[in-house]
């Protein structure tokens, strides 16, 4: 009777182990790499993956000689697996006899330019305050597949294209038309229509052939543009604008220092481009791990200190 009880009690742990192995294989894209991370042999990791697939009755990962790829069933299972693992970690934190300290790994994804500047300060301060937290800090402007990426939270400027996530808005980014004084001053630009007289640098995917500006009195105007350059990299746009090659829509937080020093000018002080949301997204769970909730609190506080983010 006692042996049967022990075996029954071990099953939930076994299931969690299978999920952890599956998620690690997905993250690493390699069974051997996942096995090394988990302290397993490659054969053991492969066996656990096969057991999970057998229990679910579907193939989760398509194996070839040189690569692994999630099947559609695997993509759906991965998202749920992360929620279950996160829930278990939160359960342990709430009920295990510990000193209550914040510890464990956090994987964060953030936009490149903001992540290289203000957000890095927030992240470093958080790690210094919580030295038992290990951080993986990835910078990416393009949309990500959250479940496949294996991150704990995703900081995003603009819409978050994933309905399966909890999205918390942190603020709104002020955006304005900027240019070098050498380019804009001689042209005497005072109204939006005159922007067509300036070469324009567009940041994809936010700007293209048309630009809508909103005035301080509440009116709006649409300006057709023919950009001389389009890029998805805001750092490249700033360098181009500084060189006098064109005007561009830029977030205030990114050009505040250039404006203060007179390197760039606010071309139309009474007009602004549409604000963009800055949000943080994470998996839904009744109880988030303490390290994640602590970071979200630190992020919310830190965002409030960034100039040009309301």
Foldseek 3Di string as FASTA:
>chain_A
DVVVVVVVVCVVVLVLVLLQLLLLCLQVQHLCVSCVVVVHHSVVSVVSQVVVCVVVVHRQWDDDPPTIDGDPVNLVVLLVSVQVNQQVLLVCLVDPPDPNAAAEEAEEEEADPCCVPLVVVLVVVLCVVRVRYHYHYHHDQDQDSDSSNPGAKYKYWADRPDPQKDKAFLFWFWKFKKAFCVQQVVQPDADPQSLQVWAEEEAPPPDDQKFWKAFPVGDIDIYGHDHPYYDNDPVVVVVCRLVRRTMYIDTCLNCVVCCVVRSMHRNHVGMTGDIITTIMIGGDHPGGRPSVVVSVVSVSVSQVPRPRTD
